[in-house]
Structures are given as C-alpha cells and as structure tokens.
N, C-alpha and C. Protein backbone atom coordinates (compact mmCIF):
# COMPACT_ATOMS: atom_id res chain seq x y z
N MET A 1 10.73 -28.12 -6.55
CA MET A 1 12.11 -27.87 -6.95
C MET A 1 12.19 -26.57 -7.76
N GLN A 2 13.15 -25.73 -7.42
CA GLN A 2 13.40 -24.52 -8.19
C GLN A 2 14.48 -24.80 -9.22
N ILE A 3 14.32 -24.18 -10.40
CA ILE A 3 15.26 -24.39 -11.50
C ILE A 3 15.70 -23.03 -12.03
N LEU A 4 17.00 -22.77 -11.95
CA LEU A 4 17.60 -21.60 -12.56
C LEU A 4 18.00 -21.96 -13.99
N LEU A 5 17.55 -21.19 -14.95
CA LEU A 5 17.97 -21.37 -16.34
C LEU A 5 18.89 -20.20 -16.66
N ILE A 6 20.15 -20.49 -16.99
CA ILE A 6 21.16 -19.45 -17.12
C ILE A 6 21.84 -19.57 -18.49
N ARG A 7 21.89 -18.46 -19.20
CA ARG A 7 22.61 -18.43 -20.48
C ARG A 7 24.08 -18.11 -20.23
N HIS A 8 24.92 -18.63 -21.08
CA HIS A 8 26.35 -18.34 -21.01
C HIS A 8 26.63 -16.84 -21.22
N GLY A 9 27.82 -16.41 -20.82
CA GLY A 9 28.26 -15.05 -21.07
C GLY A 9 28.61 -14.85 -22.54
N GLN A 10 29.02 -13.63 -22.87
CA GLN A 10 29.35 -13.31 -24.26
C GLN A 10 30.45 -14.24 -24.78
N SER A 11 30.22 -14.78 -25.97
CA SER A 11 31.21 -15.65 -26.59
C SER A 11 31.93 -14.89 -27.71
N GLU A 12 33.00 -15.46 -28.21
CA GLU A 12 33.72 -14.84 -29.33
C GLU A 12 32.81 -14.74 -30.55
N ALA A 13 31.92 -15.70 -30.75
CA ALA A 13 30.99 -15.64 -31.87
C ALA A 13 30.03 -14.47 -31.72
N ASP A 14 29.57 -14.21 -30.48
CA ASP A 14 28.70 -13.04 -30.24
C ASP A 14 29.43 -11.77 -30.65
N ALA A 15 30.71 -11.66 -30.25
CA ALA A 15 31.49 -10.46 -30.55
C ALA A 15 31.75 -10.33 -32.05
N LEU A 16 31.94 -11.46 -32.74
CA LEU A 16 32.21 -11.45 -34.18
C LEU A 16 30.93 -11.37 -35.01
N GLU A 17 29.78 -11.53 -34.36
CA GLU A 17 28.47 -11.53 -35.01
C GLU A 17 28.37 -12.63 -36.07
N VAL A 18 28.71 -13.85 -35.64
CA VAL A 18 28.52 -15.01 -36.50
C VAL A 18 27.49 -15.93 -35.85
N HIS A 19 26.86 -16.75 -36.65
CA HIS A 19 25.89 -17.72 -36.13
C HIS A 19 26.65 -18.76 -35.30
N GLU A 20 26.15 -19.04 -34.10
CA GLU A 20 26.82 -20.01 -33.25
C GLU A 20 26.29 -21.41 -33.47
N GLY A 21 25.17 -21.73 -32.86
CA GLY A 21 24.69 -23.10 -32.94
C GLY A 21 25.70 -24.03 -32.32
N ARG A 22 26.20 -25.00 -33.09
CA ARG A 22 27.13 -26.00 -32.58
C ARG A 22 28.60 -25.59 -32.71
N VAL A 23 28.89 -24.46 -33.36
CA VAL A 23 30.29 -24.04 -33.45
C VAL A 23 30.76 -23.69 -32.04
N ASP A 24 31.98 -24.07 -31.70
CA ASP A 24 32.39 -24.10 -30.29
C ASP A 24 33.35 -22.95 -29.93
N PHE A 25 32.82 -21.75 -29.83
CA PHE A 25 33.61 -20.59 -29.45
C PHE A 25 33.68 -20.46 -27.93
N PRO A 26 34.82 -20.02 -27.38
CA PRO A 26 34.92 -19.77 -25.94
C PRO A 26 34.34 -18.42 -25.57
N LEU A 27 34.32 -18.12 -24.28
CA LEU A 27 33.90 -16.81 -23.80
C LEU A 27 34.95 -15.76 -24.15
N THR A 28 34.48 -14.53 -24.34
CA THR A 28 35.39 -13.39 -24.45
C THR A 28 35.76 -12.96 -23.02
N PRO A 29 36.76 -12.08 -22.85
CA PRO A 29 37.03 -11.54 -21.51
C PRO A 29 35.79 -10.89 -20.90
N ALA A 30 34.99 -10.20 -21.73
CA ALA A 30 33.74 -9.61 -21.22
C ALA A 30 32.77 -10.70 -20.78
N GLY A 31 32.74 -11.81 -21.52
CA GLY A 31 31.87 -12.92 -21.16
C GLY A 31 32.28 -13.58 -19.85
N VAL A 32 33.59 -13.67 -19.62
CA VAL A 32 34.09 -14.20 -18.35
C VAL A 32 33.65 -13.29 -17.20
N GLU A 33 33.77 -11.98 -17.42
CA GLU A 33 33.34 -11.02 -16.38
C GLU A 33 31.84 -11.14 -16.12
N GLN A 34 31.04 -11.28 -17.18
CA GLN A 34 29.60 -11.46 -17.02
C GLN A 34 29.30 -12.72 -16.21
N ALA A 35 30.02 -13.79 -16.51
CA ALA A 35 29.80 -15.05 -15.80
C ALA A 35 30.13 -14.91 -14.32
N HIS A 36 31.19 -14.19 -14.00
CA HIS A 36 31.55 -13.97 -12.59
C HIS A 36 30.48 -13.13 -11.88
N LYS A 37 29.98 -12.10 -12.55
CA LYS A 37 28.93 -11.26 -11.94
C LYS A 37 27.66 -12.07 -11.72
N MET A 38 27.30 -12.90 -12.71
CA MET A 38 26.12 -13.76 -12.57
C MET A 38 26.31 -14.71 -11.39
N ALA A 39 27.50 -15.32 -11.31
CA ALA A 39 27.77 -16.30 -10.26
C ALA A 39 27.68 -15.67 -8.87
N GLU A 40 28.18 -14.47 -8.72
CA GLU A 40 28.10 -13.78 -7.43
C GLU A 40 26.66 -13.49 -7.05
N ARG A 41 25.86 -13.07 -8.04
CA ARG A 41 24.44 -12.80 -7.76
C ARG A 41 23.71 -14.08 -7.36
N VAL A 42 23.96 -15.15 -8.10
CA VAL A 42 23.31 -16.43 -7.80
C VAL A 42 23.73 -16.92 -6.42
N LYS A 43 25.01 -16.82 -6.11
CA LYS A 43 25.49 -17.27 -4.80
C LYS A 43 24.80 -16.50 -3.67
N GLU A 44 24.61 -15.21 -3.86
CA GLU A 44 24.01 -14.37 -2.82
C GLU A 44 22.50 -14.57 -2.70
N ALA A 45 21.81 -14.70 -3.84
CA ALA A 45 20.35 -14.67 -3.82
C ALA A 45 19.67 -16.05 -3.88
N PHE A 46 20.20 -16.99 -4.67
CA PHE A 46 19.53 -18.28 -4.84
C PHE A 46 20.53 -19.35 -5.29
N PRO A 47 21.44 -19.74 -4.40
CA PRO A 47 22.46 -20.73 -4.77
C PRO A 47 21.87 -22.11 -5.05
N PRO A 48 22.26 -22.73 -6.15
CA PRO A 48 21.79 -24.09 -6.43
C PRO A 48 22.61 -25.12 -5.66
N GLU A 49 22.03 -26.29 -5.53
CA GLU A 49 22.73 -27.42 -4.91
C GLU A 49 23.42 -28.29 -5.94
N TYR A 50 23.02 -28.13 -7.20
CA TYR A 50 23.59 -28.94 -8.28
C TYR A 50 23.47 -28.16 -9.57
N ILE A 51 24.45 -28.32 -10.47
CA ILE A 51 24.46 -27.60 -11.74
C ILE A 51 24.55 -28.60 -12.89
N TRP A 52 23.76 -28.36 -13.92
CA TRP A 52 23.83 -29.10 -15.17
C TRP A 52 24.28 -28.11 -16.24
N GLY A 53 25.25 -28.50 -17.08
CA GLY A 53 25.75 -27.57 -18.08
C GLY A 53 25.92 -28.19 -19.46
N SER A 54 25.80 -27.36 -20.47
CA SER A 54 26.11 -27.75 -21.84
C SER A 54 27.61 -27.99 -21.97
N THR A 55 27.97 -28.87 -22.89
CA THR A 55 29.39 -29.18 -23.10
C THR A 55 30.09 -28.18 -24.02
N LEU A 56 29.36 -27.31 -24.71
CA LEU A 56 30.02 -26.32 -25.57
C LEU A 56 30.76 -25.31 -24.70
N LYS A 57 31.94 -24.87 -25.16
CA LYS A 57 32.87 -24.07 -24.34
C LYS A 57 32.22 -22.87 -23.67
N ARG A 58 31.45 -22.08 -24.42
CA ARG A 58 30.90 -20.85 -23.86
C ARG A 58 29.99 -21.14 -22.66
N ALA A 59 29.26 -22.24 -22.71
CA ALA A 59 28.37 -22.61 -21.60
C ALA A 59 29.13 -23.37 -20.52
N SER A 60 30.03 -24.28 -20.91
CA SER A 60 30.75 -25.05 -19.89
C SER A 60 31.67 -24.14 -19.08
N GLU A 61 32.27 -23.12 -19.72
CA GLU A 61 33.09 -22.16 -18.97
C GLU A 61 32.23 -21.38 -17.98
N THR A 62 31.06 -20.94 -18.42
CA THR A 62 30.14 -20.21 -17.55
C THR A 62 29.70 -21.08 -16.39
N ALA A 63 29.35 -22.33 -16.68
CA ALA A 63 28.90 -23.25 -15.64
C ALA A 63 30.02 -23.55 -14.64
N SER A 64 31.25 -23.69 -15.12
CA SER A 64 32.35 -23.99 -14.20
C SER A 64 32.66 -22.80 -13.30
N ILE A 65 32.50 -21.58 -13.81
CA ILE A 65 32.66 -20.38 -12.97
C ILE A 65 31.60 -20.39 -11.88
N LEU A 66 30.37 -20.71 -12.24
CA LEU A 66 29.28 -20.77 -11.26
C LEU A 66 29.56 -21.86 -10.23
N ALA A 67 29.99 -23.03 -10.68
CA ALA A 67 30.25 -24.15 -9.76
C ALA A 67 31.36 -23.81 -8.76
N ARG A 68 32.43 -23.18 -9.25
CA ARG A 68 33.53 -22.80 -8.35
C ARG A 68 33.09 -21.74 -7.35
N THR A 69 32.27 -20.80 -7.81
CA THR A 69 31.81 -19.72 -6.93
C THR A 69 30.89 -20.26 -5.85
N ILE A 70 29.99 -21.14 -6.22
CA ILE A 70 29.02 -21.70 -5.28
C ILE A 70 29.65 -22.81 -4.44
N GLY A 71 30.52 -23.60 -5.06
CA GLY A 71 31.09 -24.77 -4.39
C GLY A 71 30.15 -25.95 -4.44
N CYS A 72 29.54 -26.19 -5.61
CA CYS A 72 28.63 -27.33 -5.72
C CYS A 72 29.00 -28.18 -6.94
N PRO A 73 28.51 -29.42 -7.00
CA PRO A 73 28.85 -30.31 -8.11
C PRO A 73 28.21 -29.89 -9.43
N ILE A 74 28.83 -30.36 -10.51
CA ILE A 74 28.34 -30.02 -11.85
C ILE A 74 28.42 -31.26 -12.73
N ASN A 75 27.47 -31.36 -13.68
CA ASN A 75 27.44 -32.46 -14.64
C ASN A 75 27.19 -31.85 -16.01
N TYR A 76 28.06 -32.17 -16.98
CA TYR A 76 27.94 -31.63 -18.34
C TYR A 76 27.22 -32.63 -19.24
N LEU A 77 26.22 -32.14 -19.99
CA LEU A 77 25.44 -32.99 -20.88
C LEU A 77 25.47 -32.43 -22.31
N PRO A 78 25.89 -33.22 -23.29
CA PRO A 78 25.87 -32.75 -24.68
C PRO A 78 24.45 -32.45 -25.17
N GLU A 79 23.46 -33.08 -24.55
CA GLU A 79 22.06 -32.83 -24.96
C GLU A 79 21.61 -31.40 -24.67
N LEU A 80 22.36 -30.67 -23.83
CA LEU A 80 22.03 -29.27 -23.52
C LEU A 80 22.65 -28.29 -24.52
N GLU A 81 23.33 -28.80 -25.55
CA GLU A 81 23.94 -27.92 -26.54
C GLU A 81 22.87 -27.15 -27.32
N GLU A 82 23.31 -26.08 -27.97
CA GLU A 82 22.41 -25.22 -28.73
C GLU A 82 21.84 -25.95 -29.95
N HIS A 83 20.85 -25.33 -30.56
CA HIS A 83 20.21 -25.84 -31.77
C HIS A 83 21.28 -26.14 -32.81
N ASN A 84 21.21 -27.30 -33.40
CA ASN A 84 22.12 -27.66 -34.49
C ASN A 84 21.66 -26.90 -35.73
N ASN A 85 22.37 -25.82 -36.07
CA ASN A 85 21.96 -24.98 -37.19
C ASN A 85 22.69 -25.31 -38.48
N GLY A 86 23.25 -26.50 -38.58
CA GLY A 86 23.80 -27.00 -39.83
C GLY A 86 24.84 -26.09 -40.45
N LYS A 87 24.65 -25.78 -41.73
CA LYS A 87 25.63 -25.00 -42.49
C LYS A 87 25.73 -23.55 -42.04
N LEU A 88 24.79 -23.07 -41.23
CA LEU A 88 24.86 -21.68 -40.75
C LEU A 88 25.92 -21.51 -39.67
N ALA A 89 26.31 -22.59 -39.01
CA ALA A 89 27.24 -22.51 -37.88
C ALA A 89 28.56 -21.86 -38.30
N GLY A 90 28.94 -20.81 -37.58
CA GLY A 90 30.20 -20.12 -37.83
C GLY A 90 30.19 -19.12 -38.95
N ARG A 91 29.07 -18.98 -39.65
CA ARG A 91 29.00 -18.02 -40.76
C ARG A 91 28.56 -16.65 -40.26
N SER A 92 28.96 -15.64 -40.99
CA SER A 92 28.59 -14.27 -40.64
C SER A 92 27.07 -14.12 -40.62
N GLN A 93 26.57 -13.32 -39.67
CA GLN A 93 25.14 -13.07 -39.60
C GLN A 93 24.69 -12.04 -40.63
N ALA A 94 25.63 -11.32 -41.24
CA ALA A 94 25.29 -10.28 -42.21
C ALA A 94 24.56 -10.88 -43.41
N GLY A 95 23.32 -10.48 -43.58
CA GLY A 95 22.53 -10.93 -44.72
C GLY A 95 22.07 -12.37 -44.65
N LYS A 96 22.32 -13.04 -43.55
CA LYS A 96 21.94 -14.46 -43.42
C LYS A 96 21.18 -14.68 -42.13
N SER A 97 20.07 -14.00 -41.97
CA SER A 97 19.31 -14.16 -40.73
C SER A 97 18.66 -15.54 -40.69
N VAL A 98 18.47 -16.02 -39.47
CA VAL A 98 17.84 -17.31 -39.28
C VAL A 98 16.35 -17.17 -39.53
N PRO A 99 15.78 -17.98 -40.42
CA PRO A 99 14.35 -17.89 -40.67
C PRO A 99 13.56 -18.19 -39.39
N ARG A 100 12.61 -17.34 -39.06
CA ARG A 100 11.86 -17.49 -37.81
C ARG A 100 10.59 -18.32 -37.96
N ASN A 101 10.05 -18.43 -39.16
CA ASN A 101 8.77 -19.11 -39.32
C ASN A 101 8.88 -20.36 -40.18
N LEU A 102 9.97 -21.09 -40.02
CA LEU A 102 10.09 -22.35 -40.73
C LEU A 102 9.04 -23.33 -40.22
N PRO A 103 8.47 -24.14 -41.09
CA PRO A 103 7.60 -25.21 -40.59
C PRO A 103 8.40 -26.10 -39.63
N PRO A 104 7.78 -26.63 -38.58
CA PRO A 104 8.51 -27.36 -37.54
C PRO A 104 9.29 -28.57 -38.04
N HIS A 105 8.93 -29.13 -39.20
CA HIS A 105 9.63 -30.32 -39.71
C HIS A 105 10.86 -29.99 -40.55
N VAL A 106 11.03 -28.70 -40.93
CA VAL A 106 12.13 -28.31 -41.82
C VAL A 106 13.41 -28.10 -41.02
N LYS A 107 14.49 -28.69 -41.50
CA LYS A 107 15.77 -28.59 -40.80
C LYS A 107 16.37 -27.20 -40.96
N LEU A 108 16.96 -26.67 -39.89
CA LEU A 108 17.62 -25.38 -39.93
C LEU A 108 18.97 -25.53 -40.61
N GLY A 109 19.29 -24.61 -41.50
CA GLY A 109 20.57 -24.68 -42.20
C GLY A 109 20.69 -25.91 -43.08
N GLU A 110 19.58 -26.46 -43.51
CA GLU A 110 19.46 -27.61 -44.42
C GLU A 110 19.98 -28.93 -43.82
N THR A 111 21.02 -28.90 -43.01
CA THR A 111 21.58 -30.13 -42.46
C THR A 111 21.47 -30.19 -40.95
N GLY A 112 20.87 -29.18 -40.34
CA GLY A 112 20.75 -29.13 -38.89
C GLY A 112 19.51 -29.82 -38.39
N GLU A 113 19.07 -29.40 -37.19
CA GLU A 113 17.86 -29.97 -36.59
C GLU A 113 16.63 -29.19 -37.01
N SER A 114 15.53 -29.88 -37.15
CA SER A 114 14.25 -29.21 -37.33
C SER A 114 13.76 -28.70 -35.98
N GLY A 115 12.77 -27.85 -35.99
CA GLY A 115 12.18 -27.37 -34.74
C GLY A 115 11.63 -28.51 -33.90
N ILE A 116 11.03 -29.50 -34.55
CA ILE A 116 10.49 -30.66 -33.83
C ILE A 116 11.62 -31.46 -33.18
N GLU A 117 12.71 -31.67 -33.92
CA GLU A 117 13.83 -32.42 -33.37
C GLU A 117 14.48 -31.70 -32.19
N PHE A 118 14.62 -30.39 -32.31
CA PHE A 118 15.22 -29.60 -31.23
C PHE A 118 14.34 -29.64 -29.99
N ARG A 119 13.04 -29.45 -30.18
CA ARG A 119 12.11 -29.48 -29.05
C ARG A 119 12.11 -30.86 -28.39
N ALA A 120 12.14 -31.92 -29.20
CA ALA A 120 12.16 -33.28 -28.64
C ALA A 120 13.42 -33.51 -27.82
N ARG A 121 14.56 -33.01 -28.31
CA ARG A 121 15.81 -33.15 -27.55
C ARG A 121 15.72 -32.39 -26.23
N ALA A 122 15.14 -31.18 -26.28
CA ALA A 122 14.99 -30.39 -25.05
C ALA A 122 14.05 -31.07 -24.07
N GLU A 123 12.94 -31.61 -24.55
CA GLU A 123 12.00 -32.33 -23.68
C GLU A 123 12.69 -33.52 -23.01
N HIS A 124 13.48 -34.23 -23.79
CA HIS A 124 14.17 -35.42 -23.27
C HIS A 124 15.17 -35.04 -22.19
N VAL A 125 16.03 -34.06 -22.46
CA VAL A 125 17.07 -33.71 -21.48
C VAL A 125 16.45 -33.05 -20.25
N PHE A 126 15.38 -32.28 -20.43
CA PHE A 126 14.72 -31.66 -19.28
C PHE A 126 14.08 -32.72 -18.39
N SER A 127 13.46 -33.71 -18.99
CA SER A 127 12.88 -34.82 -18.23
C SER A 127 13.97 -35.57 -17.47
N TYR A 128 15.09 -35.83 -18.13
CA TYR A 128 16.23 -36.52 -17.50
C TYR A 128 16.74 -35.71 -16.30
N ILE A 129 16.94 -34.41 -16.50
CA ILE A 129 17.45 -33.55 -15.43
C ILE A 129 16.49 -33.52 -14.25
N LYS A 130 15.21 -33.35 -14.51
CA LYS A 130 14.23 -33.33 -13.42
C LYS A 130 14.25 -34.64 -12.63
N HIS A 131 14.34 -35.75 -13.34
CA HIS A 131 14.34 -37.06 -12.67
C HIS A 131 15.55 -37.22 -11.75
N TYR A 132 16.73 -36.87 -12.26
CA TYR A 132 17.96 -37.07 -11.47
C TYR A 132 18.25 -35.91 -10.52
N SER A 133 17.38 -34.91 -10.49
CA SER A 133 17.56 -33.79 -9.56
C SER A 133 16.57 -33.82 -8.41
N LYS A 134 15.82 -34.89 -8.28
CA LYS A 134 14.79 -34.98 -7.24
C LYS A 134 15.31 -34.74 -5.82
N PRO A 135 16.55 -35.13 -5.49
CA PRO A 135 17.01 -34.88 -4.11
C PRO A 135 17.27 -33.40 -3.80
N TYR A 136 17.28 -32.54 -4.82
CA TYR A 136 17.68 -31.15 -4.61
C TYR A 136 16.48 -30.20 -4.58
N ARG A 137 16.60 -29.16 -3.77
CA ARG A 137 15.56 -28.13 -3.72
C ARG A 137 15.74 -27.09 -4.81
N ARG A 138 17.00 -26.87 -5.23
CA ARG A 138 17.25 -25.88 -6.29
C ARG A 138 18.42 -26.35 -7.13
N ILE A 139 18.25 -26.31 -8.45
CA ILE A 139 19.31 -26.66 -9.38
C ILE A 139 19.49 -25.52 -10.37
N ALA A 140 20.60 -25.56 -11.11
CA ALA A 140 20.83 -24.61 -12.20
C ALA A 140 21.11 -25.39 -13.48
N ILE A 141 20.61 -24.87 -14.59
CA ILE A 141 20.91 -25.39 -15.91
C ILE A 141 21.58 -24.25 -16.68
N VAL A 142 22.84 -24.45 -17.07
CA VAL A 142 23.58 -23.42 -17.82
C VAL A 142 23.67 -23.88 -19.27
N SER A 143 23.05 -23.11 -20.15
CA SER A 143 22.94 -23.55 -21.54
C SER A 143 22.94 -22.34 -22.47
N HIS A 144 22.11 -22.42 -23.50
CA HIS A 144 22.10 -21.47 -24.60
C HIS A 144 20.68 -20.91 -24.78
N GLU A 145 20.59 -19.77 -25.45
CA GLU A 145 19.29 -19.11 -25.58
C GLU A 145 18.23 -20.02 -26.21
N GLY A 146 18.58 -20.72 -27.29
CA GLY A 146 17.61 -21.59 -27.93
C GLY A 146 17.16 -22.73 -27.03
N MET A 147 18.11 -23.39 -26.38
CA MET A 147 17.76 -24.50 -25.48
C MET A 147 16.94 -24.00 -24.29
N ILE A 148 17.31 -22.86 -23.75
CA ILE A 148 16.54 -22.30 -22.63
C ILE A 148 15.11 -22.02 -23.06
N SER A 149 14.95 -21.49 -24.27
CA SER A 149 13.59 -21.23 -24.78
C SER A 149 12.79 -22.52 -24.89
N ARG A 150 13.42 -23.59 -25.40
CA ARG A 150 12.71 -24.88 -25.53
C ARG A 150 12.35 -25.44 -24.16
N ILE A 151 13.23 -25.27 -23.17
CA ILE A 151 12.91 -25.76 -21.82
C ILE A 151 11.74 -24.96 -21.24
N LEU A 152 11.73 -23.65 -21.46
CA LEU A 152 10.61 -22.84 -20.98
C LEU A 152 9.31 -23.24 -21.68
N GLU A 153 9.37 -23.54 -22.97
CA GLU A 153 8.19 -24.01 -23.68
C GLU A 153 7.67 -25.31 -23.06
N SER A 154 8.58 -26.21 -22.75
CA SER A 154 8.20 -27.47 -22.12
C SER A 154 7.57 -27.22 -20.76
N PHE A 155 8.21 -26.38 -19.96
CA PHE A 155 7.71 -26.06 -18.62
C PHE A 155 6.29 -25.47 -18.68
N LEU A 156 6.05 -24.61 -19.67
CA LEU A 156 4.75 -23.94 -19.79
C LEU A 156 3.73 -24.74 -20.60
N GLY A 157 4.15 -25.88 -21.13
CA GLY A 157 3.23 -26.72 -21.90
C GLY A 157 2.84 -26.13 -23.24
N LEU A 158 3.73 -25.36 -23.86
CA LEU A 158 3.44 -24.75 -25.16
C LEU A 158 3.61 -25.77 -26.28
N PRO A 159 2.87 -25.62 -27.36
CA PRO A 159 3.06 -26.52 -28.50
C PRO A 159 4.40 -26.24 -29.19
N VAL A 160 4.81 -27.14 -30.07
CA VAL A 160 6.07 -26.96 -30.81
C VAL A 160 6.01 -25.69 -31.64
N HIS A 161 4.91 -25.46 -32.31
CA HIS A 161 4.76 -24.30 -33.18
C HIS A 161 3.88 -23.27 -32.48
N HIS A 162 4.42 -22.10 -32.20
CA HIS A 162 3.69 -21.04 -31.49
C HIS A 162 4.30 -19.70 -31.84
N ASP A 163 3.72 -18.62 -31.32
CA ASP A 163 4.24 -17.29 -31.64
C ASP A 163 4.74 -16.55 -30.41
N TYR A 164 5.30 -17.28 -29.45
CA TYR A 164 5.91 -16.68 -28.26
C TYR A 164 7.43 -16.72 -28.43
N TYR A 165 8.11 -15.76 -27.83
CA TYR A 165 9.57 -15.73 -27.90
C TYR A 165 10.12 -15.40 -26.53
N PHE A 166 11.09 -16.18 -26.08
CA PHE A 166 11.72 -15.96 -24.78
C PHE A 166 13.16 -15.51 -25.01
N HIS A 167 13.43 -14.24 -24.74
CA HIS A 167 14.79 -13.72 -24.88
C HIS A 167 15.58 -14.00 -23.62
N THR A 168 16.85 -14.34 -23.79
CA THR A 168 17.76 -14.49 -22.65
C THR A 168 19.03 -13.70 -22.96
N SER A 169 19.31 -12.70 -22.16
CA SER A 169 20.52 -11.89 -22.33
C SER A 169 21.76 -12.72 -22.02
N GLU A 170 22.93 -12.21 -22.41
CA GLU A 170 24.18 -12.86 -22.04
C GLU A 170 24.26 -12.92 -20.52
N ALA A 171 24.46 -14.11 -19.98
CA ALA A 171 24.49 -14.38 -18.53
C ALA A 171 23.16 -14.04 -17.84
N GLY A 172 22.07 -14.02 -18.62
CA GLY A 172 20.73 -13.79 -18.06
C GLY A 172 20.22 -15.01 -17.31
N ILE A 173 19.30 -14.75 -16.37
CA ILE A 173 18.79 -15.79 -15.48
C ILE A 173 17.26 -15.82 -15.50
N HIS A 174 16.70 -17.02 -15.57
CA HIS A 174 15.27 -17.25 -15.35
C HIS A 174 15.16 -18.13 -14.10
N LEU A 175 14.08 -17.96 -13.34
CA LEU A 175 13.85 -18.83 -12.19
C LEU A 175 12.42 -19.36 -12.24
N ILE A 176 12.31 -20.68 -12.37
CA ILE A 176 11.01 -21.34 -12.42
C ILE A 176 10.96 -22.38 -11.31
N GLU A 177 9.76 -22.86 -11.01
CA GLU A 177 9.63 -23.79 -9.89
C GLU A 177 8.48 -24.76 -10.11
N TYR A 178 8.71 -26.01 -9.73
CA TYR A 178 7.65 -27.00 -9.58
C TYR A 178 7.38 -27.12 -8.08
N ASN A 179 6.13 -26.89 -7.68
CA ASN A 179 5.78 -27.06 -6.27
C ASN A 179 4.43 -27.74 -6.14
N GLU A 180 3.92 -27.85 -4.91
CA GLU A 180 2.66 -28.58 -4.69
C GLU A 180 1.47 -27.94 -5.38
N ARG A 181 1.54 -26.65 -5.70
CA ARG A 181 0.45 -25.98 -6.40
C ARG A 181 0.55 -26.11 -7.91
N GLY A 182 1.73 -26.50 -8.41
CA GLY A 182 1.92 -26.63 -9.85
C GLY A 182 3.21 -25.98 -10.30
N ARG A 183 3.12 -25.23 -11.37
CA ARG A 183 4.29 -24.59 -11.97
C ARG A 183 4.26 -23.09 -11.69
N PHE A 184 5.39 -22.58 -11.28
CA PHE A 184 5.46 -21.18 -10.83
C PHE A 184 6.64 -20.50 -11.50
N VAL A 185 6.40 -19.34 -12.12
CA VAL A 185 7.47 -18.53 -12.72
C VAL A 185 7.81 -17.42 -11.74
N HIS A 186 9.03 -17.44 -11.21
CA HIS A 186 9.47 -16.38 -10.30
C HIS A 186 9.87 -15.14 -11.09
N PHE A 187 10.70 -15.32 -12.13
CA PHE A 187 11.07 -14.20 -13.01
C PHE A 187 11.69 -14.77 -14.28
N LEU A 188 11.69 -13.94 -15.32
CA LEU A 188 12.29 -14.31 -16.61
C LEU A 188 13.35 -13.28 -16.99
N ASN A 189 14.46 -13.75 -17.48
CA ASN A 189 15.56 -12.95 -18.03
C ASN A 189 16.00 -11.80 -17.13
N SER A 190 16.39 -12.09 -15.94
CA SER A 190 16.97 -11.09 -15.06
C SER A 190 18.44 -10.90 -15.46
N ASP A 191 18.83 -9.66 -15.77
CA ASP A 191 20.22 -9.41 -16.17
C ASP A 191 20.80 -8.14 -15.57
N ASP A 192 20.21 -7.65 -14.49
CA ASP A 192 20.74 -6.44 -13.83
C ASP A 192 22.20 -6.61 -13.42
N HIS A 193 22.58 -7.82 -13.03
CA HIS A 193 23.93 -8.07 -12.56
C HIS A 193 25.00 -7.82 -13.61
N VAL A 194 24.67 -7.94 -14.91
CA VAL A 194 25.67 -7.69 -15.94
C VAL A 194 25.63 -6.25 -16.46
N ARG A 195 24.64 -5.51 -16.06
CA ARG A 195 24.51 -4.13 -16.54
C ARG A 195 25.01 -3.11 -15.51
N THR A 196 25.50 -3.59 -14.36
CA THR A 196 26.00 -2.65 -13.33
C THR A 196 27.52 -2.63 -13.30
C-alpha cells in the first residue's frame, strides 16, 4: 500500500506567525491556491483511492479540496490533529520559540501533550488507518507538520527521542509504501507544485 502524507496549505496562523497546534485557523486565499495546486498534481501523478484528514479547519479544507478534485471518499479523524501545544496555541511566535529538546515526558506549553503522548497518539491513529485501508492500493493522509513527522518516525521505526527532523512545506507531499520487500520511501517533502 502506498501512503501520501500531505500537509495543509498556508493557514491564517502561518500568515500571522502565531503558534498553531490545536488553535483552529482556516486556510488563507494563498493556502487555498496551494491546496488546489497540490490536488491537481496528486490527481495527475498518484491519485489515492481514499483520504484520511485531520478535523482542524486548515487540514480539513485541504483534504476536502483534494477529495473533490480526485473524486474519492474522505474520513476525518480528530486523532490526526496537530500536537497539543497547550498555552502556546494562538500566541505570537515572537520570542516564544517551541523548545526542541524537551525530555519526552515533559508536556509542551505546560498543559499540552508530551512528546511521548503525541507519538503514542500518532502510532495509534497510523495503525488504525493502515488496518482500515487494507482494501486500497494508495491512500492519502492530510494532516499537520508535527503529525506527519510522527507518522514518518513510526514508519521508519525511530525511537521517541532522536535527532532527526522531517520538514513538510505548506501543501508538501511525502510518498511512502509498504510492499512485499518491506518499507519503501519514494520521496520526502515534494513541493514543486506550490512554487510554480
């Protein structure tokens, strides 16, 4: 089974430079355009048979654009939402960068999820999606940069605490696959479609 991991287009929070996490900003007009460009590329090159999407507006809007363009079913899961960053959600990023080397048990933003909790949620939802996607040859998961990174960590068998970082551009695409030989990475963070 092939799995497309797709990040949402630019959100209002991206444009305002505030921490997103669970705060529910919609796409900007530029983000809608990015989502349409991504959807056209996916339709032409590797259309999925089924789409799973986060329930947060920026991702659900992106996923619905993809579903309409492809003409395939979609299922929204709250478990695909971004990292719960607690009190940081919606606050300006100026002078308040997210700590990168927190111990895995420490909650982000004091009231959010710890790295272990976030990874466990990602492992659970990824397992659920794989199980219920068995009839399909290719699916898409439309989510957020943090969740996509956790899914890639799961796919690659990385520990919770490591020093790798997976960047995903706005409306960026990763393509991974489970096949008879094992796990195969076709490409990571393809975003040519939004830069043309």
